[in-house]
């Protein structure tokens, strides 16, 4: 399963990295990853006007976008768009971080899964 990691490099600049979460055959129920550490599940909604300027992530966390569309810009100037079904591993907890702008109309829903 593919995900996008957002992390700060050794000089503190936030960057994207494409990662793969390994899955193992679990027979009739499909393919499963190994257990990954998590501390909670947070449900979130944002309005169409969501435009959050530069900020570091408050903690290491997975973000699963359920619907809608966003653009994220990292400190190196790269901008990527993400939508429903995309998975982010956000780890840029220090430095200037990244900025996020909602591109879709209406309410956007996502899940935050803090990494313990």
Protein backbone atom coordinates (compact mmCIF):
# COMPACT_ATOMS: atom_id res chain seq x y z
CA UNK A 1 0.00 0.00 0.00
CA UNK A 2 1.39 3.40 -0.92
CA UNK A 3 1.60 6.46 1.32
CA UNK A 4 3.36 9.82 1.31
CA UNK A 5 5.73 10.72 4.11
CA UNK A 6 6.14 14.40 5.04
CA UNK A 7 9.32 14.86 7.07
CA UNK A 8 12.08 17.35 7.83
CA UNK A 9 15.55 16.57 6.50
CA UNK A 10 18.78 17.03 8.49
CA UNK A 11 18.74 20.79 7.78
CA UNK A 12 15.11 21.15 8.93
CA UNK A 13 13.56 21.54 5.46
CA UNK A 14 10.27 19.69 5.06
CA UNK A 15 10.12 17.28 2.12
CA UNK A 16 7.87 14.61 0.59
CA UNK A 17 8.89 10.96 0.30
CA UNK A 18 6.87 8.20 -1.36
CA UNK A 19 6.78 5.10 0.85
CA UNK A 20 5.29 1.62 0.64
CA UNK A 21 3.61 -0.12 3.55
CA UNK A 22 4.32 -3.86 3.15
CA UNK A 23 1.27 -6.13 3.12
CA UNK A 24 1.20 -9.87 3.75
CA UNK A 25 -1.28 -12.38 2.39
CA UNK A 26 -3.91 -13.13 5.04
CA UNK A 27 -5.93 -15.60 3.00
CA UNK A 28 -9.63 -15.01 2.52
CA UNK A 29 -9.60 -11.66 4.33
CA UNK A 30 -7.08 -10.08 1.94
CA UNK A 31 -3.69 -8.55 2.65
CA UNK A 32 -2.65 -6.99 5.98
CA UNK A 33 0.26 -4.91 7.20
CA UNK A 34 2.10 -5.73 10.40
CA UNK A 35 0.71 -4.03 13.50
CA UNK A 36 1.83 -0.40 13.60
CA UNK A 37 1.95 1.64 16.81
CA UNK A 38 -0.92 4.09 17.34
CA UNK A 39 -2.18 6.06 20.32
CA UNK A 40 -5.68 7.16 19.30
CA UNK A 41 -7.99 7.93 16.41
CA UNK A 42 -9.12 11.53 15.86
CA UNK A 43 -11.99 12.34 13.48
CA UNK A 44 -11.75 15.72 11.75
CA UNK A 45 -13.83 17.99 9.51
CA UNK A 46 -12.63 21.17 7.81
CA UNK A 47 -14.61 23.73 5.84
CA UNK A 48 -13.93 24.74 2.24
CA UNK A 49 -12.16 27.91 3.48
CA UNK A 50 -9.39 25.87 5.23
CA UNK A 51 -6.03 27.47 4.37
CA UNK A 52 -3.46 26.78 7.09
CA UNK A 53 -0.18 28.67 6.67
CA UNK A 54 3.27 27.28 7.58
CA UNK A 55 3.17 24.96 10.59
CA UNK A 56 4.99 21.88 11.86
CA UNK A 57 2.94 18.78 12.63
CA UNK A 58 1.88 18.74 16.30
CA UNK A 59 3.08 15.12 16.59
CA UNK A 60 4.02 12.18 14.40
CA UNK A 61 0.78 10.87 12.92
CA UNK A 62 -0.91 9.11 10.06
CA UNK A 63 -3.56 11.13 8.23
CA UNK A 64 -6.12 9.27 6.13
CA UNK A 65 -8.09 11.53 3.80
CA UNK A 66 -11.66 10.28 3.53
CA UNK A 67 -12.90 12.74 0.92
CA UNK A 68 -12.25 16.17 -0.54
CA UNK A 69 -8.99 17.47 -1.97
CA UNK A 70 -6.03 19.40 -0.49
CA UNK A 71 -2.71 20.85 -1.64
CA UNK A 72 0.33 20.60 0.63
CA UNK A 73 3.49 22.64 0.08
CA UNK A 74 6.76 21.59 1.73
CA UNK A 75 9.73 23.77 2.65
CA UNK A 76 11.61 22.84 -0.51
CA UNK A 77 8.79 24.41 -2.59
CA UNK A 78 7.23 21.19 -3.85
CA UNK A 79 3.42 21.12 -3.94
CA UNK A 80 1.39 17.92 -4.14
CA UNK A 81 -2.36 17.37 -4.21
CA UNK A 82 -4.08 14.65 -2.20
CA UNK A 83 -7.66 13.41 -2.05
CA UNK A 84 -9.99 10.83 -0.59
CA UNK A 85 -8.23 7.52 0.02
CA UNK A 86 -4.72 9.02 0.23
CA UNK A 87 -2.57 8.21 3.26
CA UNK A 88 0.01 10.59 4.74
CA UNK A 89 2.69 9.89 7.35
CA UNK A 90 3.38 13.33 8.83
CA UNK A 91 6.63 13.63 10.78
CA UNK A 92 7.82 17.24 10.32
CA UNK A 93 7.36 18.12 13.99
CA UNK A 94 10.17 20.72 14.07
CA UNK A 95 11.13 23.62 11.85
CA UNK A 96 8.81 25.70 9.67
CA UNK A 97 6.85 22.63 8.54
CA UNK A 98 4.41 22.69 5.65
CA UNK A 99 1.24 24.50 4.60
CA UNK A 100 -2.10 23.02 3.64
CA UNK A 101 -4.94 24.45 1.54
CA UNK A 102 -8.30 22.84 0.89
CA UNK A 103 -9.12 22.68 -2.82
CA UNK A 104 -12.57 21.10 -2.65
CA UNK A 105 -15.91 22.72 -1.91
CA UNK A 106 -17.85 21.75 1.18
CA UNK A 107 -16.74 19.90 4.27
CA UNK A 108 -13.68 17.64 4.04
CA UNK A 109 -13.28 14.67 6.39
CA UNK A 110 -10.13 12.91 7.55
CA UNK A 111 -8.76 10.64 10.26
CA UNK A 112 -5.69 11.46 12.35
CA UNK A 113 -3.93 8.50 13.95
CA UNK A 114 -1.20 9.67 16.35
CA UNK A 115 1.84 7.42 16.50
CA UNK A 116 2.64 6.43 20.06
